[in-house]
C-alpha atoms as a PDB file:
ATOM      1  CA  MET A   1     -79.993 -26.142   5.286  1.00  0.00           C
ATOM      2  CA  ASN A   2     -82.447 -26.856   8.572  1.00  0.00           C
ATOM      3  CA  ASP A   3     -84.903 -24.299   9.124  1.00  0.00           C
ATOM      4  CA  ARG A   4     -85.976 -25.692  12.527  1.00  0.00           C
ATOM      5  CA  PRO A   5     -86.175 -23.528  15.153  1.00  0.00           C
ATOM      6  CA  THR A   6     -83.355 -23.585  17.903  1.00  0.00           C
ATOM      7  CA  TYR A   7     -83.663 -24.633  21.493  1.00  0.00           C
ATOM      8  CA  ARG A   8     -82.525 -20.910  22.401  1.00  0.00           C
ATOM      9  CA  SER A   9     -85.081 -19.389  19.648  1.00  0.00           C
ATOM     10  CA  ARG A  10     -88.044 -21.543  21.206  1.00  0.00           C
ATOM     11  CA  LEU A  11     -86.824 -20.654  24.768  1.00  0.00           C
ATOM     12  CA  ASP A  12     -86.999 -16.800  23.753  1.00  0.00           C
ATOM     13  CA  GLU A  13     -90.431 -17.133  22.603  1.00  0.00           C
ATOM     14  CA  ILE A  14     -91.661 -18.896  25.882  1.00  0.00           C
ATOM     15  CA  LEU A  15     -89.919 -16.130  28.037  1.00  0.00           C
ATOM     16  CA  ARG A  16     -91.261 -13.336  25.783  1.00  0.00           C
ATOM     17  CA  PRO A  17     -94.547 -12.301  27.721  1.00  0.00           C
ATOM     18  CA  ASP A  18     -96.270 -11.078  24.145  1.00  0.00           C
ATOM     19  CA  GLY A  19     -95.893 -14.584  22.630  1.00  0.00           C
ATOM     20  CA  LYS A  20     -93.661 -13.083  19.755  1.00  0.00           C
ATOM     21  CA  PRO A  21     -90.472 -14.059  18.815  1.00  0.00           C
ATOM     22  CA  ALA A  22     -87.670 -12.520  20.248  1.00  0.00           C
ATOM     23  CA  PRO A  23     -85.619  -9.793  17.570  1.00  0.00           C
ATOM     24  CA  PRO A  24     -82.429 -10.896  16.579  1.00  0.00           C
ATOM     25  CA  PRO A  25     -79.771  -9.634  18.589  1.00  0.00           C
ATOM     26  CA  LYS A  26     -78.014  -6.414  17.666  1.00  0.00           C
ATOM     27  CA  LYS A  27     -74.573  -6.240  16.331  1.00  0.00           C
ATOM     28  CA  ASP A  28     -72.207  -3.561  17.477  1.00  0.00           C
ATOM     29  CA  GLY A  29     -72.930  -1.271  14.647  1.00  0.00           C
ATOM     30  CA  ASP A  30     -76.830  -1.608  15.247  1.00  0.00           C
ATOM     31  CA  ALA A  31     -76.302  -0.665  19.082  1.00  0.00           C
ATOM     32  CA  GLU A  32     -78.500   2.550  19.760  1.00  0.00           C
ATOM     33  CA  GLU A  33     -76.561   5.814  20.744  1.00  0.00           C
ATOM     34  CA  VAL A  34     -76.672   5.715  24.667  1.00  0.00           C
ATOM     35  CA  GLU A  35     -74.640   8.488  25.153  1.00  0.00           C
ATOM     36  CA  GLY A  36     -74.705  12.029  24.175  1.00  0.00           C
ATOM     37  CA  SER A  37     -72.466  15.044  24.808  1.00  0.00           C
ATOM     38  CA  CYS A  38     -71.810  18.773  24.285  1.00  0.00           C
ATOM     39  CA  ALA A  39     -68.423  20.489  24.352  1.00  0.00           C
ATOM     40  CA  ALA A  40     -68.981  20.780  27.938  1.00  0.00           C
ATOM     41  CA  PHE A  41     -70.135  17.646  29.188  1.00  0.00           C
ATOM     42  CA  GLY A  42     -71.562  13.851  28.358  1.00  0.00           C
ATOM     43  CA  TYR A  43     -74.719  12.453  29.129  1.00  0.00           C
ATOM     44  CA  VAL A  44     -76.639   9.256  29.159  1.00  0.00           C
ATOM     45  CA  ARG A  45     -79.616   9.493  26.846  1.00  0.00           C
ATOM     46  CA  GLY A  46     -83.202   8.430  28.228  1.00  0.00           C
ATOM     47  CA  ILE A  47     -85.175   9.672  30.957  1.00  0.00           C
ATOM     48  CA  ASN A  48     -84.726   6.337  33.168  1.00  0.00           C
ATOM     49  CA  THR A  49     -81.282   6.063  32.336  1.00  0.00           C
ATOM     50  CA  HIS A  50     -78.627   7.006  35.106  1.00  0.00           C
ATOM     51  CA  SER A  51     -74.954   7.038  35.556  1.00  0.00           C
ATOM     52  CA  SER A  52     -73.299   5.771  38.522  1.00  0.00           C
ATOM     53  CA  ALA A  53     -70.585   8.361  38.651  1.00  0.00           C
ATOM     54  CA  VAL A  54     -69.141  11.133  37.158  1.00  0.00           C
ATOM     55  CA  GLU A  55     -65.802  12.069  35.630  1.00  0.00           C
ATOM     56  CA  PHE A  56     -64.173  15.299  35.887  1.00  0.00           C
ATOM     57  CA  ARG A  57     -61.932  15.940  32.769  1.00  0.00           C
ATOM     58  CA  PHE A  58     -59.061  18.358  33.481  1.00  0.00           C
ATOM     59  CA  ARG A  59     -57.299  20.051  30.635  1.00  0.00           C
ATOM     60  CA  ASP A  60     -53.851  18.506  31.504  1.00  0.00           C
ATOM     61  CA  GLY A  61     -55.188  15.164  30.588  1.00  0.00           C
ATOM     62  CA  ASN A  62     -55.968  13.938  34.109  1.00  0.00           C
ATOM     63  CA  SER A  63     -59.467  13.098  35.229  1.00  0.00           C
ATOM     64  CA  ALA A  64     -60.983  12.190  38.478  1.00  0.00           C
ATOM     65  CA  TRP A  65     -64.379  10.100  38.951  1.00  0.00           C
ATOM     66  CA  PHE A  66     -66.848  10.987  41.987  1.00  0.00           C
ATOM     67  CA  PRO A  67     -69.982   8.268  42.850  1.00  0.00           C
ATOM     68  CA  TYR A  68     -73.129   9.665  42.903  1.00  0.00           C
ATOM     69  CA  SER A  69     -73.950   7.868  45.678  1.00  0.00           C
ATOM     70  CA  TRP A  70     -71.421  10.414  47.386  1.00  0.00           C
ATOM     71  CA  LEU A  71     -72.873  13.170  45.893  1.00  0.00           C
ATOM     72  CA  GLY A  72     -74.983  15.465  48.855  1.00  0.00           C
ATOM     73  CA  PRO A  73     -76.219  19.124  48.662  1.00  0.00           C
ATOM     74  CA  TRP A  74     -74.928  21.113  45.610  1.00  0.00           C
ATOM     75  CA  TRP A  75     -75.245  24.781  44.726  1.00  0.00           C
ATOM     76  CA  TYR A  76     -75.848  27.201  41.775  1.00  0.00           C
ATOM     77  CA  ASN A  77     -74.993  30.718  41.296  1.00  0.00           C
ATOM     78  CA  PRO A  78     -74.355  31.605  37.721  1.00  0.00           C
ATOM     79  CA  SER A  79     -71.959  34.606  38.941  1.00  0.00           C
ATOM     80  CA  GLU A  80     -69.831  32.314  40.803  1.00  0.00           C
ATOM     81  CA  GLY A  81     -70.182  28.448  39.719  1.00  0.00           C
ATOM     82  CA  LEU A  82     -71.741  25.574  40.484  1.00  0.00           C
ATOM     83  CA  LEU A  83     -70.676  23.709  43.945  1.00  0.00           C
ATOM     84  CA  LEU A  84     -70.945  19.922  44.276  1.00  0.00           C
ATOM     85  CA  LYS A  85     -70.324  18.536  47.784  1.00  0.00           C
ATOM     86  CA  PHE A  86     -69.432  14.925  48.060  1.00  0.00           C
ATOM     87  CA  SER A  87     -69.062  12.850  51.086  1.00  0.00           C
ATOM     88  CA  GLY A  88     -67.097   9.894  51.301  1.00  0.00           C
ATOM     89  CA  ASP A  89     -63.854   9.044  53.444  1.00  0.00           C
ATOM     90  CA  LEU A  90     -63.396  12.983  53.341  1.00  0.00           C
ATOM     91  CA  VAL A  91     -65.609  15.702  51.926  1.00  0.00           C
ATOM     92  CA  TYR A  92     -64.763  17.039  48.618  1.00  0.00           C
ATOM     93  CA  LEU A  93     -65.724  20.241  47.145  1.00  0.00           C
ATOM     94  CA  VAL A  94     -65.793  20.500  43.307  1.00  0.00           C
ATOM     95  CA  LEU A  95     -66.036  23.891  42.018  1.00  0.00           C
ATOM     96  CA  ILE A  96     -66.909  24.157  38.193  1.00  0.00           C
ATOM     97  CA  ARG A  97     -66.925  27.839  36.698  1.00  0.00           C
ATOM     98  CA  GLY A  98     -68.169  28.552  33.202  1.00  0.00           C
ATOM     99  CA  SER A  99     -70.860  30.167  31.455  1.00  0.00           C
ATOM    100  CA  ASN A 100     -74.839  28.998  30.494  1.00  0.00           C
ATOM    101  CA  LEU A 101     -74.103  25.930  32.888  1.00  0.00           C
ATOM    102  CA  ASP A 102     -78.246  25.704  33.063  1.00  0.00           C
ATOM    103  CA  LYS A 103     -78.525  26.199  29.608  1.00  0.00           C
ATOM    104  CA  PRO A 104     -80.579  23.134  28.083  1.00  0.00           C
ATOM    105  CA  LEU A 105     -78.842  21.503  24.967  1.00  0.00           C
ATOM    106  CA  ASN A 106     -80.627  21.358  21.469  1.00  0.00           C
ATOM    107  CA  GLU A 107     -82.956  19.096  22.245  1.00  0.00           C
ATOM    108  CA  GLY A 108     -84.340  20.921  25.258  1.00  0.00           C
ATOM    109  CA  ALA A 109     -84.546  17.599  27.808  1.00  0.00           C
ATOM    110  CA  ILE A 110     -81.021  17.823  29.228  1.00  0.00           C
ATOM    111  CA  ASN A 111     -78.781  20.497  30.982  1.00  0.00           C
ATOM    112  CA  LEU A 112     -75.805  20.417  33.378  1.00  0.00           C
ATOM    113  CA  THR A 113     -77.957  21.285  36.304  1.00  0.00           C
ATOM    114  CA  SER A 114     -81.113  20.111  36.800  1.00  0.00           C
ATOM    115  CA  GLY A 115     -81.708  17.894  33.739  1.00  0.00           C
ATOM    116  CA  GLY A 116     -78.491  16.250  34.324  1.00  0.00           C
ATOM    117  CA  LEU A 117     -76.755  16.107  37.873  1.00  0.00           C
ATOM    118  CA  GLN A 118     -79.794  16.454  39.735  1.00  0.00           C
ATOM    119  CA  ARG A 119     -80.970  13.249  37.475  1.00  0.00           C
ATOM    120  CA  HIS A 120     -77.580  11.490  38.052  1.00  0.00           C
ATOM    121  CA  ARG A 121     -77.209  11.437  33.636  1.00  0.00           C
ATOM    122  CA  VAL A 122     -74.135  13.459  33.567  1.00  0.00           C
ATOM    123  CA  ILE A 123     -71.120  10.945  32.532  1.00  0.00           C
ATOM    124  CA  TRP A 124     -68.302  13.474  32.505  1.00  0.00           C
ATOM    125  CA  ILE A 125     -67.677  17.343  32.947  1.00  0.00           C
ATOM    126  CA  ARG A 126     -64.551  18.761  30.955  1.00  0.00           C
ATOM    127  CA  GLU A 127     -62.521  21.838  31.318  1.00  0.00           C
ATOM    128  CA  MET A 128     -62.293  23.548  27.850  1.00  0.00           C
ATOM    129  CA  THR A 129     -59.510  25.061  26.000  1.00  0.00           C
ATOM    130  CA  GLU A 130     -60.206  29.007  25.380  1.00  0.00           C
ATOM    131  CA  ALA A 131     -60.456  27.951  21.654  1.00  0.00           C
ATOM    132  CA  GLU A 132     -63.243  25.580  22.618  1.00  0.00           C
ATOM    133  CA  ILE A 133     -64.879  28.343  24.663  1.00  0.00           C
ATOM    134  CA  ARG A 134     -64.815  31.115  22.005  1.00  0.00           C
ATOM    135  CA  GLN A 135     -66.514  28.208  19.607  1.00  0.00           C
ATOM    136  CA  VAL A 136     -69.568  27.568  21.826  1.00  0.00           C
ATOM    137  CA  GLY A 137     -69.790  31.484  22.646  1.00  0.00           C
ATOM    138  CA  GLU A 138     -73.420  31.593  23.948  1.00  0.00           C
ATOM    139  CA  MET A 139     -74.747  29.102  22.260  1.00  0.00           C
ATOM    140  CA  GLY A 140     -74.492  26.736  24.872  1.00  0.00           C
ATOM    141  CA  PRO A 141     -72.573  25.712  28.296  1.00  0.00           C
ATOM    142  CA  THR A 142     -68.864  26.231  28.731  1.00  0.00           C
ATOM    143  CA  ILE A 143     -66.608  24.946  31.318  1.00  0.00           C
ATOM    144  CA  ASP A 144     -63.834  27.358  32.071  1.00  0.00           C
ATOM    145  CA  SER A 145     -62.372  25.734  35.309  1.00  0.00           C
ATOM    146  CA  ILE A 146     -63.102  22.386  37.556  1.00  0.00           C
ATOM    147  CA  GLN A 147     -61.277  23.013  41.081  1.00  0.00           C
ATOM    148  CA  VAL A 148     -61.451  19.620  43.217  1.00  0.00           C
ATOM    149  CA  ALA A 149     -60.698  20.225  46.956  1.00  0.00           C
ATOM    150  CA  GLU A 150     -60.455  17.642  50.184  1.00  0.00           C
ATOM    151  CA  PHE A 151     -61.410  18.502  53.232  1.00  0.00           C
ATOM    152  CA  GLU A 152     -60.963  16.843  56.617  1.00  0.00           C
ATOM    153  CA  SER A 153     -62.456  19.788  58.653  1.00  0.00           C
ATOM    154  CA  HIS A 154     -65.051  21.942  58.423  1.00  0.00           C
ATOM    155  CA  ALA A 155     -62.879  24.958  59.197  1.00  0.00           C
ATOM    156  CA  ALA A 156     -60.868  24.167  56.633  1.00  0.00           C
ATOM    157  CA  LEU A 157     -63.736  23.947  53.757  1.00  0.00           C
ATOM    158  CA  LYS A 158     -65.038  27.349  54.937  1.00  0.00           C
ATOM    159  CA  GLU A 159     -61.377  28.766  54.545  1.00  0.00           C
ATOM    160  CA  TRP A 160     -61.371  27.427  51.085  1.00  0.00           C
ATOM    161  CA  LEU A 161     -64.767  28.595  50.050  1.00  0.00           C
ATOM    162  CA  ALA A 162     -64.053  32.202  51.519  1.00  0.00           C
ATOM    163  CA  THR A 163     -60.924  32.213  49.168  1.00  0.00           C
ATOM    164  CA  ASN A 164     -62.101  30.434  45.985  1.00  0.00           C
ATOM    165  CA  ALA A 165     -66.319  31.400  46.024  1.00  0.00           C
ATOM    166  CA  PRO A 166     -66.948  33.763  48.593  1.00  0.00           C
ATOM    167  CA  ALA A 167     -70.656  33.844  47.331  1.00  0.00           C
ATOM    168  CA  LEU A 168     -71.263  30.340  48.296  1.00  0.00           C
ATOM    169  CA  VAL A 169     -69.824  30.160  51.956  1.00  0.00           C
ATOM    170  CA  ARG A 170     -73.071  30.624  53.450  1.00  0.00           C
ATOM    171  CA  HIS A 171     -74.476  27.446  51.823  1.00  0.00           C
ATOM    172  CA  SER A 172     -71.715  25.172  52.692  1.00  0.00           C
END
């Protein structure tokens, strides 16, 4: 067997600033876990890791994705829910209703609002079944419903909010 370093290993040593040999490539089973989740949402781990889009998963099996680059202002009112405004070809409002939406998960560094959406770390948010909501209880966040609506006019947006989330009308 030949113990001479390969061209690739020599190149890796040269390119590494510390001069130490590069670690062997990771196998699929060795990959670090980059995604975490709770029953209500999934997120990327690592404070400097971000997602480019957020997926909304509905109870009926359908999903909708919105790029974080479209995310504009958003509001959280514990009695009304979380209202996200995405502006692209149209204006989209996403109204998320549930409980404990701002409650940190076990490790304390992530929650749906300030540690998740604000930092673009949330990958998906999903509507939960009644049984899942009961199982989580007050221990963590739960998502009762997700409503997505699209608007071509500000008047239509205001009308929808007045019907679906009256406490958030003044914020739109």
